[in-house]
Amino acid sequence: MGMFSRISDIVNSNINAILDRAEDPEKIIRLIIQEMEDTLVEVRSSAVKTIAEKKELERKVATLTQERDDWQAKAELALTKDREDLAKGALQVRARLIQDLVALEKQYAQIDEGLAKQSDDVVKLQQKLADAKLREAQLVARHQTATNRLKIRTTLYDSRVTDAVTRFEQVERALDELEGRVDVYDIQRPKSVAEEIAELEASHQIDSELAQLKAKLAQKTERN
């Protein structure tokens, strides 16, 4: 792939879309950053060469322009000396120089346009690179957060915790069984004299309170 095709692909790429398709986003974005940095170095190196070539063309144009003007002056001088043949020859040389100047100026315009494109590419690549590095920092932070959360979850749901809960439930069941045995024993055991008398006293107390309540209601009825 040519450098300029690669630049176009990078500049027009959607980093989010690339990361969405990636199984390992961190690895992919590191590769993207490396590609951008390598391409940026190449673009800058190419721009340096283009600038040098542009300066060389400027010198050539200046030299040819001076030669064109010199041959113009020579043609004029020949005419003043009644040497029309020399004047004609001088003008022919001048015409060739003008042709060369037109070609050089066209080449200069192309180089100047290419240099402007390279400068624009550098700016765009730098913006993309900054964006990719920001995404890398975000991905690293997200990865660390997810890793920490996973560690916490793993700790919370550790098998030792599950075993401890299971043992606690077993102890509770054992206590329930023990209490159940006590209740069964109390049910099967014959009541003592004291317990029976206590029950009779409690029953007598309830009967007495019930009789008082009935009498009270009867008095209210008689008054009405």
Protein backbone atom coordinates (compact mmCIF):
# COMPACT_ATOMS: atom_id res chain seq x y z
CA MET A 1 0.00 0.00 0.00
CA GLY A 2 1.36 3.44 -0.94
CA MET A 3 2.00 6.03 1.72
CA PHE A 4 -0.67 8.41 0.51
CA SER A 5 -3.26 5.64 0.25
CA ARG A 6 -2.44 4.65 3.82
CA ILE A 7 -2.78 8.27 4.94
CA SER A 8 -6.21 8.48 3.34
CA ASP A 9 -7.30 5.24 5.00
CA ILE A 10 -6.16 6.46 8.42
CA VAL A 11 -7.65 9.94 8.09
CA ASN A 12 -10.99 8.58 6.89
CA SER A 13 -11.09 5.68 9.34
CA ASN A 14 -13.61 5.52 12.15
CA ILE A 15 -11.74 4.43 15.27
CA ASN A 16 -14.96 3.56 17.10
CA ALA A 17 -16.06 1.20 14.32
CA ILE A 18 -12.64 -0.51 14.34
CA LEU A 19 -12.75 -0.99 18.11
CA ASP A 20 -16.32 -2.33 18.00
CA ARG A 21 -15.16 -5.10 15.65
CA ALA A 22 -12.03 -5.90 17.63
CA GLU A 23 -11.76 -8.81 20.04
CA ASP A 24 -8.91 -7.07 21.88
CA PRO A 25 -9.56 -3.28 21.65
CA GLU A 26 -6.44 -2.35 23.63
CA LYS A 27 -4.18 -4.32 21.29
CA ILE A 28 -5.92 -2.97 18.19
CA ILE A 29 -5.68 0.67 19.26
CA ARG A 30 -1.97 0.24 20.07
CA LEU A 31 -1.46 -1.06 16.53
CA ILE A 32 -3.45 1.88 15.14
CA ILE A 33 -1.31 4.34 17.11
CA GLN A 34 1.90 2.65 15.91
CA GLU A 35 0.66 2.82 12.30
CA MET A 36 -0.21 6.50 12.67
CA GLU A 37 3.14 7.37 14.25
CA ASP A 38 5.06 5.49 11.53
CA THR A 39 3.01 7.17 8.79
CA LEU A 40 3.49 10.58 10.39
CA VAL A 41 7.26 10.11 10.36
CA GLU A 42 7.11 9.13 6.68
CA VAL A 43 4.92 12.12 5.77
CA ARG A 44 7.23 14.55 7.56
CA SER A 45 10.30 12.99 5.91
CA SER A 46 8.60 13.26 2.52
CA ALA A 47 7.66 16.88 3.25
CA VAL A 48 11.30 17.70 4.00
CA LYS A 49 12.33 16.28 0.61
CA THR A 50 9.52 18.17 -1.12
CA ILE A 51 10.58 21.45 0.49
CA ALA A 52 14.17 20.86 -0.67
CA GLU A 53 12.94 20.12 -4.19
CA LYS A 54 10.78 23.25 -4.15
CA LYS A 55 13.76 25.42 -3.17
CA GLU A 56 15.86 23.91 -5.93
CA LEU A 57 13.14 24.71 -8.46
CA GLU A 58 12.96 28.26 -7.15
CA ARG A 59 16.68 28.67 -7.84
CA LYS A 60 16.30 27.23 -11.36
CA VAL A 61 13.35 29.52 -12.11
CA ALA A 62 15.32 32.53 -10.89
CA THR A 63 18.32 31.52 -13.03
CA LEU A 64 16.23 30.98 -16.16
CA THR A 65 14.37 34.23 -15.58
CA GLN A 66 17.67 36.08 -15.39
CA GLU A 67 18.92 34.35 -18.55
CA ARG A 68 15.68 35.21 -20.38
CA ASP A 69 16.09 38.87 -19.46
CA ASP A 70 19.77 38.78 -20.46
CA TRP A 71 18.96 37.41 -23.93
CA GLN A 72 16.25 40.03 -24.27
CA ALA A 73 18.89 42.67 -23.59
CA LYS A 74 21.29 41.01 -26.08
CA ALA A 75 18.61 41.04 -28.79
CA GLU A 76 18.03 44.74 -28.19
CA LEU A 77 21.78 45.42 -28.27
CA ALA A 78 22.14 43.54 -31.58
CA LEU A 79 19.40 45.65 -33.14
CA THR A 80 21.07 48.86 -32.02
CA LYS A 81 24.18 47.66 -33.88
CA ASP A 82 22.19 46.80 -36.99
CA ARG A 83 22.78 43.10 -36.43
CA GLU A 84 19.29 41.82 -37.02
CA ASP A 85 20.59 38.30 -37.52
CA LEU A 86 22.10 38.29 -34.03
CA ALA A 87 18.97 39.85 -32.58
CA LYS A 88 16.90 37.10 -34.18
CA GLY A 89 19.21 34.41 -32.75
CA ALA A 90 19.05 35.99 -29.31
CA LEU A 91 15.25 36.02 -29.44
CA GLN A 92 15.25 32.33 -30.40
CA VAL A 93 17.36 31.49 -27.34
CA ARG A 94 15.03 33.65 -25.24
CA ALA A 95 12.00 31.71 -26.62
CA ARG A 96 13.55 28.39 -25.59
CA LEU A 97 14.23 29.75 -22.12
CA ILE A 98 10.62 30.88 -21.83
CA GLN A 99 9.46 27.35 -22.69
CA ASP A 100 11.74 25.93 -20.04
CA LEU A 101 10.41 28.49 -17.55
CA VAL A 102 6.80 27.51 -18.27
CA ALA A 103 7.63 23.83 -17.66
CA LEU A 104 9.49 24.64 -14.43
CA GLU A 105 6.69 26.88 -13.18
CA LYS A 106 4.16 24.13 -13.86
CA GLN A 107 6.34 21.66 -11.96
CA TYR A 108 6.74 24.21 -9.16
CA ALA A 109 2.95 24.63 -8.89
CA GLN A 110 2.50 20.84 -8.65
CA ILE A 111 5.13 20.56 -5.94
CA ASP A 112 3.63 23.49 -4.06
CA GLU A 113 0.19 21.85 -4.22
CA GLY A 114 1.65 18.52 -3.03
CA LEU A 115 3.41 20.24 -0.15
CA ALA A 116 0.15 21.90 0.91
CA LYS A 117 -1.53 18.47 0.82
CA GLN A 118 1.26 16.97 2.91
CA SER A 119 0.91 19.76 5.49
CA ASP A 120 -2.84 19.13 5.64
CA ASP A 121 -2.21 15.40 6.04
CA VAL A 122 0.19 16.05 8.92
CA VAL A 123 -2.45 18.12 10.75
CA LYS A 124 -5.14 15.48 10.21
CA LEU A 125 -2.84 12.66 11.26
CA GLN A 126 -1.86 14.52 14.42
CA GLN A 127 -5.54 15.00 15.28
CA LYS A 128 -6.27 11.32 14.65
CA LEU A 129 -3.22 10.31 16.68
CA ALA A 130 -4.30 12.48 19.62
CA ASP A 131 -7.79 10.96 19.43
CA ALA A 132 -6.39 7.41 19.32
CA LYS A 133 -4.13 8.07 22.34
CA LEU A 134 -7.09 9.46 24.26
CA ARG A 135 -9.07 6.32 23.41
CA GLU A 136 -6.12 4.20 24.52
CA ALA A 137 -6.07 5.94 27.92
CA GLN A 138 -9.84 5.45 28.26
CA LEU A 139 -9.58 1.78 27.31
CA VAL A 140 -6.78 1.17 29.81
CA ALA A 141 -8.82 2.87 32.54
CA ARG A 142 -11.91 0.84 31.63
CA HIS A 143 -9.87 -2.37 31.58
CA GLN A 144 -8.38 -1.64 35.01
CA THR A 145 -11.82 -0.80 36.41
CA ALA A 146 -13.32 -3.98 35.00
CA THR A 147 -10.41 -6.04 36.37
CA ASN A 148 -10.81 -4.52 39.83
CA ARG A 149 -14.57 -5.12 39.77
CA LEU A 150 -13.97 -8.72 38.73
CA LYS A 151 -11.57 -9.20 41.64
CA ILE A 152 -14.17 -7.80 44.04
CA ARG A 153 -16.89 -10.03 42.60
CA THR A 154 -14.57 -13.03 42.80
CA THR A 155 -13.84 -12.24 46.44
CA LEU A 156 -17.50 -11.80 47.27
CA TYR A 157 -18.46 -15.06 45.61
CA ASP A 158 -15.44 -16.98 46.78
CA SER A 159 -16.12 -20.68 47.49
CA ARG A 160 -14.90 -20.19 51.06
CA VAL A 161 -17.71 -17.71 51.66
CA THR A 162 -20.21 -20.18 50.20
CA ASP A 163 -18.82 -22.94 52.43
CA ALA A 164 -19.10 -20.70 55.50
CA VAL A 165 -22.73 -19.89 54.71
CA THR A 166 -23.48 -23.58 54.21
CA ARG A 167 -21.90 -24.44 57.57
CA PHE A 168 -23.91 -21.71 59.26
CA GLU A 169 -27.13 -23.10 57.80
CA GLN A 170 -26.16 -26.58 59.04
CA VAL A 171 -25.71 -25.20 62.56
CA GLU A 172 -29.15 -23.55 62.37
CA ARG A 173 -30.74 -26.83 61.29
CA ALA A 174 -29.01 -28.65 64.16
CA LEU A 175 -30.39 -26.10 66.64
CA ASP A 176 -33.86 -26.48 65.14
CA GLU A 177 -33.64 -30.24 65.63
CA LEU A 178 -32.44 -29.80 69.23
CA GLU A 179 -35.29 -27.42 70.04
CA GLY A 180 -37.71 -29.83 68.39
CA ARG A 181 -36.50 -32.64 70.66
CA VAL A 182 -37.14 -30.45 73.72
CA ASP A 183 -40.66 -29.65 72.49
CA VAL A 184 -41.38 -33.34 71.90
CA TYR A 185 -40.12 -34.18 75.36
CA ASP A 186 -42.38 -31.57 76.91
CA ILE A 187 -45.38 -32.92 75.00
CA GLN A 188 -44.75 -36.54 76.06
CA ARG A 189 -43.88 -35.77 79.71
CA PRO A 190 -46.91 -36.08 82.19
CA LYS A 191 -47.88 -32.83 83.88
CA SER A 192 -46.93 -32.32 87.48
CA VAL A 193 -49.46 -31.46 90.23
CA ALA A 194 -48.14 -27.92 90.37
CA GLU A 195 -48.57 -27.47 86.61
CA GLU A 196 -52.16 -28.80 86.74
CA ILE A 197 -53.05 -26.48 89.64
CA ALA A 198 -51.52 -23.53 87.79
CA GLU A 199 -53.67 -24.36 84.77
CA LEU A 200 -56.79 -24.59 87.00
CA GLU A 201 -56.01 -21.22 88.58
CA ALA A 202 -55.56 -19.65 85.18
CA SER A 203 -58.83 -21.17 83.97
CA HIS A 204 -60.63 -20.01 87.13
CA GLN A 205 -59.32 -16.49 86.65
CA ILE A 206 -60.60 -16.40 83.07
CA ASP A 207 -64.03 -17.78 84.15
CA SER A 208 -64.25 -15.12 86.88
CA GLU A 209 -63.43 -12.30 84.44
CA LEU A 210 -65.99 -13.66 81.99
CA ALA A 211 -68.72 -13.72 84.67
CA GLN A 212 -67.94 -10.13 85.65
CA LEU A 213 -68.15 -9.02 82.02
CA LYS A 214 -71.56 -10.72 81.60
CA ALA A 215 -72.91 -9.06 84.73
CA LYS A 216 -71.75 -5.67 83.56
CA LEU A 217 -73.45 -6.09 80.20
CA ALA A 218 -76.67 -7.22 81.91
CA GLN A 219 -76.77 -4.10 84.07
CA LYS A 220 -76.42 -1.88 80.98
CA THR A 221 -79.29 -3.72 79.32
CA GLU A 222 -81.61 -3.26 82.35
CA ARG A 223 -80.91 0.50 82.46
CA ASN A 224 -81.83 0.88 78.81
